[in-house]
Amino acid sequence: YTVRSVKEIKPGEEITISYMSPLQREDFHSRESRRRVLKEEFDFLCECTICT
């Protein structure tokens, strides 16, 4: 993969990927709906601080 950034990324700095934008879909407003959609569409159970 190629990663491009608008700011410096320091060695060892964590890079994360957003699977979705909460503003793009109305059903992402609740924690339960975000986790359900991620599981259904990406087979991924999100455990970030926002979703847990």
PDB file of N, CA and C in Angstrom:
ATOM      1  N   TYR A   1       0.820  -1.183   0.000  1.00  0.00           N
ATOM      2  CA  TYR A   1       0.000   0.000   0.000  1.00  0.00           C
ATOM      3  C   TYR A   1       0.868   1.252   0.000  1.00  0.00           C
ATOM      4  N   THR A   2       0.330   2.307  -0.558  1.00  0.00           N
ATOM      5  CA  THR A   2       0.962   3.611  -0.497  1.00  0.00           C
ATOM      6  C   THR A   2       0.161   4.475   0.462  1.00  0.00           C
ATOM      7  N   VAL A   3       0.847   5.128   1.377  1.00  0.00           N
ATOM      8  CA  VAL A   3       0.190   6.012   2.333  1.00  0.00           C
ATOM      9  C   VAL A   3       0.666   7.425   2.063  1.00  0.00           C
ATOM     10  N   ARG A   4      -0.282   8.342   1.943  1.00  0.00           N
ATOM     11  CA  ARG A   4       0.047   9.759   1.781  1.00  0.00           C
ATOM     12  C   ARG A   4      -0.539  10.504   2.974  1.00  0.00           C
ATOM     13  N   SER A   5       0.178  11.485   3.431  1.00  0.00           N
ATOM     14  CA  SER A   5      -0.248  12.200   4.621  1.00  0.00           C
ATOM     15  C   SER A   5      -0.100  13.701   4.418  1.00  0.00           C
ATOM     16  N   VAL A   6      -0.946  14.446   5.099  1.00  0.00           N
ATOM     17  CA  VAL A   6      -0.855  15.905   5.054  1.00  0.00           C
ATOM     18  C   VAL A   6       0.022  16.431   6.186  1.00  0.00           C
ATOM     19  N   LYS A   7       0.482  15.511   7.052  1.00  0.00           N
ATOM     20  CA  LYS A   7       1.390  15.895   8.132  1.00  0.00           C
ATOM     21  C   LYS A   7       2.462  14.828   8.273  1.00  0.00           C
ATOM     22  N   GLU A   8       3.517  15.170   8.976  1.00  0.00           N
ATOM     23  CA  GLU A   8       4.615  14.230   9.189  1.00  0.00           C
ATOM     24  C   GLU A   8       4.142  13.046  10.028  1.00  0.00           C
ATOM     25  N   ILE A   9       4.523  11.844   9.627  1.00  0.00           N
ATOM     26  CA  ILE A   9       4.263  10.643  10.407  1.00  0.00           C
ATOM     27  C   ILE A   9       5.607  10.183  10.957  1.00  0.00           C
ATOM     28  N   LYS A  10       5.707  10.184  12.259  1.00  0.00           N
ATOM     29  CA  LYS A  10       6.968   9.823  12.907  1.00  0.00           C
ATOM     30  C   LYS A  10       7.121   8.304  12.959  1.00  0.00           C
ATOM     31  N   PRO A  11       8.354   7.814  12.927  1.00  0.00           N
ATOM     32  CA  PRO A  11       8.582   6.369  13.048  1.00  0.00           C
ATOM     33  C   PRO A  11       7.930   5.830  14.321  1.00  0.00           C
ATOM     34  N   GLY A  12       7.179   4.755  14.186  1.00  0.00           N
ATOM     35  CA  GLY A  12       6.506   4.148  15.323  1.00  0.00           C
ATOM     36  C   GLY A  12       5.142   4.734  15.625  1.00  0.00           C
ATOM     37  N   GLU A  13       4.778   5.847  14.970  1.00  0.00           N
ATOM     38  CA  GLU A  13       3.476   6.464  15.200  1.00  0.00           C
ATOM     39  C   GLU A  13       2.387   5.593  14.589  1.00  0.00           C
ATOM     40  N   GLU A  14       1.309   5.377  15.324  1.00  0.00           N
ATOM     41  CA  GLU A  14       0.215   4.540  14.852  1.00  0.00           C
ATOM     42  C   GLU A  14      -0.568   5.255  13.755  1.00  0.00           C
ATOM     43  N   ILE A  15      -0.896   4.520  12.703  1.00  0.00           N
ATOM     44  CA  ILE A  15      -1.736   5.021  11.621  1.00  0.00           C
ATOM     45  C   ILE A  15      -3.019   4.207  11.650  1.00  0.00           C
ATOM     46  N   THR A  16      -4.146   4.876  11.672  1.00  0.00           N
ATOM     47  CA  THR A  16      -5.421   4.169  11.703  1.00  0.00           C
ATOM     48  C   THR A  16      -6.206   4.448  10.437  1.00  0.00           C
ATOM     49  N   ILE A  17      -7.139   3.563  10.142  1.00  0.00           N
ATOM     50  CA  ILE A  17      -7.979   3.682   8.954  1.00  0.00           C
ATOM     51  C   ILE A  17      -9.430   3.764   9.403  1.00  0.00           C
ATOM     52  N   SER A  18     -10.161   4.738   8.917  1.00  0.00           N
ATOM     53  CA  SER A  18     -11.581   4.848   9.212  1.00  0.00           C
ATOM     54  C   SER A  18     -12.368   4.086   8.155  1.00  0.00           C
ATOM     55  N   TYR A  19     -13.200   3.169   8.608  1.00  0.00           N
ATOM     56  CA  TYR A  19     -14.034   2.402   7.692  1.00  0.00           C
ATOM     57  C   TYR A  19     -15.261   3.187   7.256  1.00  0.00           C
ATOM     58  N   MET A  20     -15.564   4.250   7.980  1.00  0.00           N
ATOM     59  CA  MET A  20     -16.778   5.000   7.675  1.00  0.00           C
ATOM     60  C   MET A  20     -16.693   6.388   8.276  1.00  0.00           C
ATOM     61  N   SER A  21     -17.555   7.254   7.792  1.00  0.00           N
ATOM     62  CA  SER A  21     -17.709   8.578   8.374  1.00  0.00           C
ATOM     63  C   SER A  21     -19.089   8.647   9.012  1.00  0.00           C
ATOM     64  N   PRO A  22     -19.180   8.969  10.294  1.00  0.00           N
ATOM     65  CA  PRO A  22     -20.485   9.042  10.952  1.00  0.00           C
ATOM     66  C   PRO A  22     -21.439  10.027  10.285  1.00  0.00           C
ATOM     67  N   LEU A  23     -20.921  10.975   9.538  1.00  0.00           N
ATOM     68  CA  LEU A  23     -21.783  11.959   8.889  1.00  0.00           C
ATOM     69  C   LEU A  23     -22.337  11.467   7.562  1.00  0.00           C
ATOM     70  N   GLN A  24     -21.798  10.375   7.021  1.00  0.00           N
ATOM     71  CA  GLN A  24     -22.231   9.899   5.714  1.00  0.00           C
ATOM     72  C   GLN A  24     -23.515   9.091   5.768  1.00  0.00           C
ATOM     73  N   ARG A  25     -23.768   8.394   6.874  1.00  0.00           N
ATOM     74  CA  ARG A  25     -24.943   7.539   6.960  1.00  0.00           C
ATOM     75  C   ARG A  25     -25.673   7.791   8.263  1.00  0.00           C
ATOM     76  N   GLU A  26     -26.981   7.905   8.171  1.00  0.00           N
ATOM     77  CA  GLU A  26     -27.776   8.183   9.360  1.00  0.00           C
ATOM     78  C   GLU A  26     -27.716   7.053  10.377  1.00  0.00           C
ATOM     79  N   ASP A  27     -27.552   5.803   9.903  1.00  0.00           N
ATOM     80  CA  ASP A  27     -27.563   4.679  10.836  1.00  0.00           C
ATOM     81  C   ASP A  27     -26.255   4.517  11.600  1.00  0.00           C
ATOM     82  N   PHE A  28     -25.321   5.436  11.466  1.00  0.00           N
ATOM     83  CA  PHE A  28     -24.071   5.384  12.213  1.00  0.00           C
ATOM     84  C   PHE A  28     -24.126   6.235  13.477  1.00  0.00           C
ATOM     85  N   HIS A  29     -25.261   6.814  13.773  1.00  0.00           N
ATOM     86  CA  HIS A  29     -25.332   7.729  14.904  1.00  0.00           C
ATOM     87  C   HIS A  29     -25.270   7.025  16.255  1.00  0.00           C
ATOM     88  N   SER A  30     -25.764   5.811  16.346  1.00  0.00           N
ATOM     89  CA  SER A  30     -25.695   5.110  17.626  1.00  0.00           C
ATOM     90  C   SER A  30     -24.551   4.103  17.622  1.00  0.00           C
ATOM     91  N   ARG A  31     -24.020   3.860  18.771  1.00  0.00           N
ATOM     92  CA  ARG A  31     -22.914   2.911  18.936  1.00  0.00           C
ATOM     93  C   ARG A  31     -23.301   1.533  18.419  1.00  0.00           C
ATOM     94  N   GLU A  32     -24.495   1.084  18.779  1.00  0.00           N
ATOM     95  CA  GLU A  32     -24.948  -0.241  18.372  1.00  0.00           C
ATOM     96  C   GLU A  32     -25.062  -0.358  16.858  1.00  0.00           C
ATOM     97  N   SER A  33     -25.595   0.670  16.218  1.00  0.00           N
ATOM     98  CA  SER A  33     -25.762   0.600  14.761  1.00  0.00           C
ATOM     99  C   SER A  33     -24.416   0.645  14.042  1.00  0.00           C
ATOM    100  N   ARG A  34     -23.468   1.443  14.537  1.00  0.00           N
ATOM    101  CA  ARG A  34     -22.132   1.469  13.923  1.00  0.00           C
ATOM    102  C   ARG A  34     -21.473   0.104  14.009  1.00  0.00           C
ATOM    103  N   ARG A  35     -21.530  -0.500  15.190  1.00  0.00           N
ATOM    104  CA  ARG A  35     -20.902  -1.812  15.370  1.00  0.00           C
ATOM    105  C   ARG A  35     -21.594  -2.873  14.514  1.00  0.00           C
ATOM    106  N   ARG A  36     -22.917  -2.803  14.405  1.00  0.00           N
ATOM    107  CA  ARG A  36     -23.663  -3.766  13.590  1.00  0.00           C
ATOM    108  C   ARG A  36     -23.274  -3.644  12.126  1.00  0.00           C
ATOM    109  N   VAL A  37     -23.233  -2.416  11.606  1.00  0.00           N
ATOM    110  CA  VAL A  37     -22.884  -2.197  10.199  1.00  0.00           C
ATOM    111  C   VAL A  37     -21.448  -2.649   9.920  1.00  0.00           C
ATOM    112  N   LEU A  38     -20.524  -2.341  10.798  1.00  0.00           N
ATOM    113  CA  LEU A  38     -19.142  -2.782  10.606  1.00  0.00           C
ATOM    114  C   LEU A  38     -19.050  -4.301  10.583  1.00  0.00           C
ATOM    115  N   LYS A  39     -19.794  -4.958  11.458  1.00  0.00           N
ATOM    116  CA  LYS A  39     -19.771  -6.423  11.500  1.00  0.00           C
ATOM    117  C   LYS A  39     -20.387  -6.996  10.233  1.00  0.00           C
ATOM    118  N   GLU A  40     -21.526  -6.444   9.801  1.00  0.00           N
ATOM    119  CA  GLU A  40     -22.214  -6.963   8.615  1.00  0.00           C
ATOM    120  C   GLU A  40     -21.442  -6.679   7.329  1.00  0.00           C
ATOM    121  N   GLU A  41     -20.906  -5.488   7.183  1.00  0.00           N
ATOM    122  CA  GLU A  41     -20.271  -5.095   5.922  1.00  0.00           C
ATOM    123  C   GLU A  41     -18.786  -5.442   5.843  1.00  0.00           C
ATOM    124  N   PHE A  42     -18.096  -5.474   6.988  1.00  0.00           N
ATOM    125  CA  PHE A  42     -16.646  -5.694   6.970  1.00  0.00           C
ATOM    126  C   PHE A  42     -16.210  -6.905   7.796  1.00  0.00           C
ATOM    127  N   ASP A  43     -17.180  -7.597   8.421  1.00  0.00           N
ATOM    128  CA  ASP A  43     -16.887  -8.718   9.318  1.00  0.00           C
ATOM    129  C   ASP A  43     -15.855  -8.296  10.362  1.00  0.00           C
ATOM    130  N   PHE A  44     -16.099  -7.123  10.940  1.00  0.00           N
ATOM    131  CA  PHE A  44     -15.160  -6.483  11.855  1.00  0.00           C
ATOM    132  C   PHE A  44     -15.912  -6.005  13.086  1.00  0.00           C
ATOM    133  N   LEU A  45     -15.477  -6.399  14.270  1.00  0.00           N
ATOM    134  CA  LEU A  45     -16.071  -5.933  15.514  1.00  0.00           C
ATOM    135  C   LEU A  45     -15.202  -4.808  16.065  1.00  0.00           C
ATOM    136  N   CYS A  46     -15.699  -3.591  15.961  1.00  0.00           N
ATOM    137  CA  CYS A  46     -14.923  -2.429  16.384  1.00  0.00           C
ATOM    138  C   CYS A  46     -14.839  -2.363  17.906  1.00  0.00           C
ATOM    139  N   GLU A  47     -13.637  -2.139  18.408  1.00  0.00           N
ATOM    140  CA  GLU A  47     -13.417  -2.006  19.840  1.00  0.00           C
ATOM    141  C   GLU A  47     -12.722  -0.688  20.178  1.00  0.00           C
ATOM    142  N   CYS A  48     -12.910   0.323  19.315  1.00  0.00           N
ATOM    143  CA  CYS A  48     -12.312   1.631  19.595  1.00  0.00           C
ATOM    144  C   CYS A  48     -13.032   2.285  20.773  1.00  0.00           C
ATOM    145  N   THR A  49     -12.477   3.359  21.279  1.00  0.00           N
ATOM    146  CA  THR A  49     -13.057   4.025  22.449  1.00  0.00           C
ATOM    147  C   THR A  49     -14.428   4.633  22.161  1.00  0.00           C
ATOM    148  N   ILE A  50     -14.705   4.964  20.920  1.00  0.00           N
ATOM    149  CA  ILE A  50     -16.012   5.530  20.578  1.00  0.00           C
ATOM    150  C   ILE A  50     -17.078   4.442  20.517  1.00  0.00           C
ATOM    151  N   CYS A  51     -16.717   3.271  20.000  1.00  0.00           N
ATOM    152  CA  CYS A  51     -17.692   2.196  19.798  1.00  0.00           C
ATOM    153  C   CYS A  51     -17.871   1.283  21.009  1.00  0.00           C
ATOM    154  N   THR A  52     -16.937   1.317  21.954  1.00  0.00           N
ATOM    155  CA  THR A  52     -17.064   0.392  23.091  1.00  0.00           C
ATOM    156  C   THR A  52     -17.510   1.100  24.339  1.00  0.00           C
TER     157      THR A  52
END
